[in-house]
């Protein structure tokens, strides 16, 4: 079962910031603001995502936050303006 995760980051280095963004996209993240992604992800892939992000993370300069929202929390999100909820991915057969 997929979890809904909001990931935000503040990374001053352009190269590391680009690698973090690409990693989030590789794991199905959807950019909802410049430094904020939302994604539906399994617990196993969430652990893999964190391992991949650690490769590009500098603990002295960077900040990454992970917010896991429960089923009851998601409907309570308050979205304004152009914001819209991301859709849960459908079953994919590869």
N, C-alpha and C. Protein backbone atom coordinates (compact mmCIF):
# COMPACT_ATOMS: atom_id res chain seq x y z
N UNK A 1 0.85 -1.19 0.00
CA UNK A 1 0.00 0.00 0.00
C UNK A 1 0.89 1.24 0.00
N UNK A 2 0.51 2.22 -0.78
CA UNK A 2 1.31 3.43 -0.92
C UNK A 2 1.00 4.44 0.17
N UNK A 3 2.05 5.12 0.62
CA UNK A 3 1.92 6.21 1.58
C UNK A 3 1.92 7.52 0.79
N UNK A 4 1.31 8.55 1.35
CA UNK A 4 1.35 9.87 0.75
C UNK A 4 2.40 10.67 1.50
N UNK A 5 3.43 11.13 0.79
CA UNK A 5 4.54 11.83 1.42
C UNK A 5 4.75 13.18 0.75
N UNK A 6 4.94 14.21 1.58
CA UNK A 6 5.32 15.54 1.11
C UNK A 6 6.79 15.71 1.46
N UNK A 7 7.59 16.09 0.47
CA UNK A 7 9.03 16.25 0.66
C UNK A 7 9.39 17.68 0.26
N UNK A 8 10.03 18.38 1.17
CA UNK A 8 10.49 19.73 0.88
C UNK A 8 11.99 19.79 1.14
N UNK A 9 12.66 20.67 0.44
CA UNK A 9 14.10 20.77 0.63
C UNK A 9 14.57 22.19 0.43
N UNK A 10 15.71 22.49 1.05
CA UNK A 10 16.42 23.75 0.88
C UNK A 10 17.88 23.37 0.67
N UNK A 11 18.32 23.47 -0.57
CA UNK A 11 19.67 23.04 -0.93
C UNK A 11 20.32 24.18 -1.73
N UNK A 12 21.34 24.83 -1.16
CA UNK A 12 21.93 26.00 -1.83
C UNK A 12 22.76 25.67 -3.07
N UNK A 13 23.30 24.46 -3.17
CA UNK A 13 24.14 24.08 -4.31
C UNK A 13 23.27 23.64 -5.49
N UNK A 14 23.44 24.29 -6.63
CA UNK A 14 22.62 23.99 -7.81
C UNK A 14 22.73 22.54 -8.25
N UNK A 15 23.92 22.02 -8.27
CA UNK A 15 24.13 20.64 -8.75
C UNK A 15 23.43 19.62 -7.83
N UNK A 16 23.62 19.75 -6.52
CA UNK A 16 22.97 18.83 -5.58
C UNK A 16 21.46 19.00 -5.62
N UNK A 17 21.00 20.25 -5.73
CA UNK A 17 19.55 20.50 -5.78
C UNK A 17 18.92 19.83 -7.00
N UNK A 18 19.59 19.91 -8.14
CA UNK A 18 19.09 19.26 -9.35
C UNK A 18 19.06 17.74 -9.19
N UNK A 19 20.09 17.17 -8.57
CA UNK A 19 20.13 15.72 -8.37
C UNK A 19 19.03 15.27 -7.42
N UNK A 20 18.76 16.05 -6.39
CA UNK A 20 17.68 15.71 -5.47
C UNK A 20 16.34 15.77 -6.20
N UNK A 21 16.11 16.82 -6.97
CA UNK A 21 14.86 16.94 -7.72
C UNK A 21 14.69 15.79 -8.69
N UNK A 22 15.75 15.43 -9.40
CA UNK A 22 15.66 14.32 -10.36
C UNK A 22 15.39 13.00 -9.65
N UNK A 23 16.00 12.79 -8.50
CA UNK A 23 15.75 11.57 -7.73
C UNK A 23 14.29 11.49 -7.32
N UNK A 24 13.73 12.60 -6.87
CA UNK A 24 12.32 12.62 -6.48
C UNK A 24 11.42 12.31 -7.68
N UNK A 25 11.75 12.85 -8.84
CA UNK A 25 10.98 12.55 -10.05
C UNK A 25 11.11 11.07 -10.41
N UNK A 26 12.31 10.52 -10.26
CA UNK A 26 12.54 9.10 -10.57
C UNK A 26 11.67 8.18 -9.71
N UNK A 27 11.34 8.63 -8.50
CA UNK A 27 10.53 7.82 -7.60
C UNK A 27 9.04 8.20 -7.66
N UNK A 28 8.65 8.91 -8.69
CA UNK A 28 7.25 9.20 -8.90
C UNK A 28 6.77 10.46 -8.21
N UNK A 29 7.68 11.25 -7.69
CA UNK A 29 7.28 12.50 -7.05
C UNK A 29 6.75 13.48 -8.08
N UNK A 30 5.82 14.28 -7.63
CA UNK A 30 5.27 15.33 -8.50
C UNK A 30 5.59 16.67 -7.86
N UNK A 31 6.26 17.51 -8.63
CA UNK A 31 6.64 18.83 -8.11
C UNK A 31 5.38 19.68 -7.98
N UNK A 32 5.13 20.18 -6.77
CA UNK A 32 3.95 21.02 -6.54
C UNK A 32 4.35 22.46 -6.24
N UNK A 33 5.59 22.67 -5.89
CA UNK A 33 6.21 23.99 -5.79
C UNK A 33 7.68 23.80 -6.11
N UNK A 34 8.43 24.87 -6.20
CA UNK A 34 9.83 24.75 -6.64
C UNK A 34 10.64 23.74 -5.83
N UNK A 35 10.49 23.75 -4.54
CA UNK A 35 11.27 22.84 -3.68
C UNK A 35 10.37 21.93 -2.86
N UNK A 36 9.19 21.63 -3.39
CA UNK A 36 8.24 20.76 -2.68
C UNK A 36 7.69 19.73 -3.66
N UNK A 37 7.77 18.48 -3.25
CA UNK A 37 7.23 17.37 -4.03
C UNK A 37 6.21 16.62 -3.19
N UNK A 38 5.25 16.02 -3.87
CA UNK A 38 4.31 15.10 -3.23
C UNK A 38 4.40 13.79 -3.99
N UNK A 39 4.25 12.68 -3.28
CA UNK A 39 4.26 11.40 -3.99
C UNK A 39 3.54 10.34 -3.18
N UNK A 40 3.03 9.38 -3.91
CA UNK A 40 2.52 8.15 -3.34
C UNK A 40 3.64 7.14 -3.51
N UNK A 41 4.03 6.50 -2.43
CA UNK A 41 5.19 5.62 -2.48
C UNK A 41 5.04 4.50 -1.47
N UNK A 42 5.50 3.32 -1.85
CA UNK A 42 5.46 2.20 -0.91
C UNK A 42 6.55 2.40 0.15
N UNK A 43 6.40 1.72 1.25
CA UNK A 43 7.39 1.85 2.32
C UNK A 43 8.77 1.41 1.84
N UNK A 44 8.81 0.34 1.07
CA UNK A 44 10.09 -0.16 0.54
C UNK A 44 10.76 0.88 -0.36
N UNK A 45 9.98 1.48 -1.26
CA UNK A 45 10.54 2.50 -2.15
C UNK A 45 10.87 3.79 -1.39
N UNK A 46 10.14 4.06 -0.32
CA UNK A 46 10.45 5.22 0.52
C UNK A 46 11.84 5.05 1.13
N UNK A 47 12.16 3.86 1.59
CA UNK A 47 13.50 3.59 2.14
C UNK A 47 14.56 3.72 1.05
N UNK A 48 14.25 3.23 -0.15
CA UNK A 48 15.19 3.35 -1.27
C UNK A 48 15.39 4.81 -1.66
N UNK A 49 14.29 5.56 -1.67
CA UNK A 49 14.37 6.99 -1.99
C UNK A 49 15.29 7.70 -1.01
N UNK A 50 15.10 7.45 0.27
CA UNK A 50 15.94 8.10 1.27
C UNK A 50 17.41 7.72 1.09
N UNK A 51 17.69 6.47 0.77
CA UNK A 51 19.07 6.04 0.55
C UNK A 51 19.67 6.78 -0.65
N UNK A 52 18.90 6.93 -1.72
CA UNK A 52 19.41 7.65 -2.90
C UNK A 52 19.62 9.12 -2.60
N UNK A 53 18.70 9.72 -1.84
CA UNK A 53 18.84 11.14 -1.51
C UNK A 53 20.08 11.40 -0.65
N UNK A 54 20.40 10.44 0.23
CA UNK A 54 21.58 10.61 1.09
C UNK A 54 22.87 10.78 0.28
N UNK A 55 22.91 10.21 -0.91
CA UNK A 55 24.10 10.32 -1.77
C UNK A 55 24.38 11.78 -2.16
N UNK A 56 23.33 12.58 -2.25
CA UNK A 56 23.45 13.96 -2.73
C UNK A 56 23.28 14.98 -1.61
N UNK A 57 23.16 14.53 -0.40
CA UNK A 57 22.82 15.38 0.74
C UNK A 57 24.07 15.80 1.51
N UNK A 58 24.17 17.09 1.80
CA UNK A 58 25.24 17.63 2.64
C UNK A 58 24.59 18.12 3.93
N UNK A 59 24.79 17.37 5.00
CA UNK A 59 24.17 17.70 6.28
C UNK A 59 24.61 19.02 6.88
N UNK A 60 25.71 19.56 6.39
CA UNK A 60 26.21 20.85 6.88
C UNK A 60 25.54 22.03 6.18
N UNK A 61 24.97 21.80 5.00
CA UNK A 61 24.43 22.90 4.21
C UNK A 61 22.97 22.73 3.79
N UNK A 62 22.49 21.49 3.76
CA UNK A 62 21.18 21.19 3.18
C UNK A 62 20.14 20.85 4.24
N UNK A 63 18.89 20.95 3.82
CA UNK A 63 17.77 20.56 4.66
C UNK A 63 16.74 19.84 3.79
N UNK A 64 16.34 18.65 4.21
CA UNK A 64 15.26 17.92 3.54
C UNK A 64 14.27 17.50 4.60
N UNK A 65 12.98 17.71 4.34
CA UNK A 65 11.92 17.34 5.28
C UNK A 65 10.97 16.36 4.60
N UNK A 66 10.55 15.36 5.36
CA UNK A 66 9.60 14.35 4.87
C UNK A 66 8.37 14.40 5.78
N UNK A 67 7.20 14.59 5.19
CA UNK A 67 5.95 14.59 5.94
C UNK A 67 5.08 13.45 5.40
N UNK A 68 4.81 12.46 6.22
CA UNK A 68 3.94 11.36 5.81
C UNK A 68 2.54 11.69 6.31
N UNK A 69 1.60 11.80 5.37
CA UNK A 69 0.22 12.13 5.74
C UNK A 69 -0.63 10.87 5.75
N UNK A 70 -1.41 10.71 6.78
CA UNK A 70 -2.27 9.54 6.91
C UNK A 70 -3.51 9.68 6.02
N UNK A 71 -4.23 8.60 5.87
CA UNK A 71 -5.46 8.59 5.05
C UNK A 71 -6.45 9.66 5.49
N UNK A 72 -6.57 9.87 6.80
CA UNK A 72 -7.52 10.84 7.33
C UNK A 72 -7.05 12.27 7.15
N UNK A 73 -5.76 12.47 6.99
CA UNK A 73 -5.20 13.82 6.86
C UNK A 73 -5.34 14.39 5.45
N UNK A 74 -5.19 13.53 4.45
CA UNK A 74 -5.19 14.02 3.07
C UNK A 74 -6.44 14.79 2.70
N UNK A 75 -7.64 14.31 3.04
CA UNK A 75 -8.83 15.08 2.66
C UNK A 75 -8.91 16.44 3.36
N UNK A 76 -8.12 16.62 4.40
CA UNK A 76 -8.14 17.87 5.15
C UNK A 76 -7.12 18.88 4.63
N UNK A 77 -6.38 18.53 3.57
CA UNK A 77 -5.44 19.48 2.99
C UNK A 77 -6.22 20.68 2.47
N UNK A 78 -5.67 21.84 2.67
CA UNK A 78 -6.31 23.09 2.25
C UNK A 78 -5.48 23.66 1.11
N UNK A 79 -5.99 23.59 -0.12
CA UNK A 79 -5.25 24.01 -1.31
C UNK A 79 -5.86 25.30 -1.85
N UNK A 80 -5.02 26.27 -2.15
CA UNK A 80 -5.49 27.57 -2.65
C UNK A 80 -4.95 27.83 -4.05
N UNK A 81 -5.62 28.69 -4.76
CA UNK A 81 -5.14 29.15 -6.05
C UNK A 81 -5.01 28.03 -7.07
N UNK A 82 -3.87 27.95 -7.70
CA UNK A 82 -3.63 26.96 -8.75
C UNK A 82 -3.32 25.58 -8.21
N UNK A 83 -3.20 25.44 -6.91
CA UNK A 83 -2.87 24.15 -6.31
C UNK A 83 -3.99 23.15 -6.55
N UNK A 84 -3.59 21.90 -6.82
CA UNK A 84 -4.57 20.83 -6.98
C UNK A 84 -3.95 19.56 -6.41
N UNK A 85 -4.76 18.65 -5.90
CA UNK A 85 -4.20 17.41 -5.34
C UNK A 85 -3.63 16.53 -6.44
N UNK A 86 -2.55 15.83 -6.11
CA UNK A 86 -2.02 14.88 -7.08
C UNK A 86 -2.85 13.61 -7.00
N UNK A 87 -2.85 12.87 -8.08
CA UNK A 87 -3.65 11.65 -8.12
C UNK A 87 -2.82 10.45 -7.73
N UNK A 88 -3.45 9.53 -7.04
CA UNK A 88 -2.78 8.30 -6.68
C UNK A 88 -2.52 7.51 -7.95
N UNK A 89 -1.30 6.99 -8.11
CA UNK A 89 -1.01 6.25 -9.35
C UNK A 89 -1.85 5.00 -9.48
N UNK A 90 -2.16 4.66 -10.68
CA UNK A 90 -2.92 3.46 -10.97
C UNK A 90 -1.96 2.28 -11.10
N UNK A 91 -2.50 1.09 -11.10
CA UNK A 91 -1.72 -0.12 -11.25
C UNK A 91 -0.98 -0.09 -12.59
N UNK A 92 0.31 -0.36 -12.54
CA UNK A 92 1.12 -0.43 -13.75
C UNK A 92 1.67 -1.83 -13.89
N UNK A 93 1.56 -2.38 -15.08
CA UNK A 93 2.13 -3.69 -15.35
C UNK A 93 3.31 -3.46 -16.30
N UNK A 94 4.47 -3.89 -15.85
CA UNK A 94 5.68 -3.65 -16.65
C UNK A 94 6.24 -4.99 -17.11
